[in-house]
Protein backbone atom coordinates (compact mmCIF):
# COMPACT_ATOMS: atom_id res chain seq x y z
CA MET A 1 0.00 0.00 0.00
CA SER A 2 2.94 2.36 -0.11
CA GLY A 3 2.07 5.33 -2.26
CA ASP A 4 -1.61 5.10 -1.36
CA VAL A 5 -3.01 8.16 0.37
CA PRO A 6 -4.51 7.23 3.75
CA SER A 7 -8.18 8.08 4.10
CA VAL A 8 -10.56 9.10 6.88
CA SER A 9 -14.27 8.34 7.20
CA VAL A 10 -16.58 11.30 7.71
CA GLU A 11 -20.27 12.13 7.45
CA VAL A 12 -21.77 15.09 5.62
CA VAL A 13 -25.26 16.29 6.50
CA PHE A 14 -27.65 18.91 5.14
CA ALA A 15 -31.39 19.34 5.52
CA VAL A 16 -34.23 21.44 4.25
CA PRO A 17 -37.75 21.24 5.73
CA GLU A 18 -38.90 18.61 3.27
CA ARG A 19 -35.74 16.50 3.03
CA GLN A 20 -32.53 15.63 4.84
CA VAL A 21 -29.45 13.80 3.59
CA LEU A 22 -26.67 12.23 5.64
CA LEU A 23 -23.80 10.70 3.66
CA SER A 24 -20.89 8.63 4.93
CA ILE A 25 -17.80 9.00 2.75
CA ASP A 26 -14.10 8.25 2.81
CA VAL A 27 -11.86 11.18 1.89
CA PRO A 28 -8.09 11.56 1.65
CA GLU A 29 -6.42 12.31 4.97
CA GLY A 30 -5.76 16.05 5.19
CA SER A 31 -8.99 17.02 3.37
CA THR A 32 -10.63 20.29 4.35
CA VAL A 33 -14.30 20.81 5.14
CA ALA A 34 -14.71 22.50 1.74
CA GLU A 35 -13.13 19.52 -0.03
CA VAL A 36 -15.32 17.06 1.88
CA ILE A 37 -18.46 18.96 0.88
CA ALA A 38 -17.34 19.01 -2.76
CA LEU A 39 -16.45 15.29 -2.73
CA SER A 40 -19.80 14.42 -1.12
CA GLY A 41 -21.80 15.57 -4.13
CA MET A 42 -24.21 17.34 -1.78
CA ALA A 43 -24.40 20.40 -4.08
CA ALA A 44 -25.83 18.22 -6.85
CA GLN A 45 -28.56 16.97 -4.50
CA PHE A 46 -29.47 20.52 -3.45
CA PRO A 47 -28.61 22.66 -6.50
CA ASP A 48 -30.70 25.65 -5.43
CA ALA A 49 -29.51 25.77 -1.80
CA GLY A 50 -26.33 27.81 -2.39
CA LEU A 51 -24.27 25.47 -0.23
CA GLU A 52 -21.05 27.30 -1.05
CA SER A 53 -22.17 30.35 0.93
CA LEU A 54 -23.80 28.66 3.94
CA PRO A 55 -22.07 28.32 7.32
CA VAL A 56 -20.55 24.93 8.13
CA GLY A 57 -19.63 23.08 11.27
CA ILE A 58 -18.34 19.87 12.78
CA TRP A 59 -20.46 18.25 15.47
CA GLY A 60 -22.48 21.40 16.17
CA ARG A 61 -19.58 23.87 16.25
CA VAL A 62 -19.12 26.37 13.46
CA VAL A 63 -15.75 25.96 11.72
CA ALA A 64 -13.92 27.48 8.76
CA ARG A 65 -14.16 25.68 5.45
CA SER A 66 -10.37 25.44 5.52
CA ARG A 67 -10.46 23.24 8.65
CA ILE A 68 -8.88 19.79 8.20
CA VAL A 69 -11.32 16.98 9.01
CA ALA A 70 -10.53 14.04 11.26
CA ASN A 71 -11.73 10.46 11.15
CA GLY A 72 -15.30 10.27 12.50
CA ASP A 73 -16.14 13.97 12.01
CA ARG A 74 -19.66 14.94 10.96
CA VAL A 75 -19.54 17.91 8.61
CA GLU A 76 -22.76 19.89 8.91
CA ILE A 77 -23.99 22.48 6.44
CA TYR A 78 -26.26 24.99 8.18
CA ARG A 79 -29.09 26.63 6.29
CA THR A 80 -30.35 30.05 7.24
CA LEU A 81 -33.54 29.97 9.32
CA PRO A 82 -36.31 32.35 8.24
CA GLU A 83 -36.77 33.54 11.84
CA ASP A 84 -34.82 33.22 15.07
CA PRO A 85 -36.51 30.43 17.08
CA LYS A 86 -35.25 31.85 20.39
CA ARG A 87 -36.90 35.20 19.65
CA ILE A 88 -40.16 33.50 18.67
CA ARG A 89 -40.20 31.38 21.85
CA ARG A 90 -39.47 34.44 23.99
CA GLU A 91 -42.31 36.42 22.41
CA LEU A 92 -44.73 33.51 22.79
CA ALA A 93 -43.74 33.02 26.44
CA MET A 94 -44.32 36.71 27.14
CA SER A 95 -47.85 36.34 25.78
CA GLY A 96 -48.46 33.11 27.76
CA ARG A 97 -48.36 30.83 24.70
CA THR A 98 -46.04 28.02 23.56
CA MET A 99 -44.51 27.07 20.22
CA ARG A 100 -47.32 24.55 19.80
CA ASP A 101 -49.93 27.26 20.44
CA GLY A 102 -48.13 29.59 18.07
CA ALA A 103 -48.00 26.96 15.32
CA ASP A 104 -51.70 26.22 15.80
CA ASP A 105 -52.54 29.93 15.53
CA GLN A 106 -50.64 30.16 12.25
CA ASN A 107 -52.54 27.21 10.77
CA GLU A 108 -55.97 28.67 11.52
CA ASP A 109 -55.86 31.04 8.54
């Protein structure tokens, strides 16, 4: 095996409200987060998502795309939320309602 580039196993995950994808792939050791995302083919599965401009992380912590991945890392691509859920919960709590109540109110239209 001399001359072969060692590899690491990682996961890549991205989700939109109607669909989520988690891929397990092997990439060359020393690959960056950006390279892992490119190698995963995730952009082809979500062509309109603009993955190249979304924040990314590893195991729930935002990282730079230049970060080198390690064996077992889960690379996460974070989509922008339309509204801040913490702000919504705070406003609902101040009015004595919950997220469930708020969701029900929105569906009554």
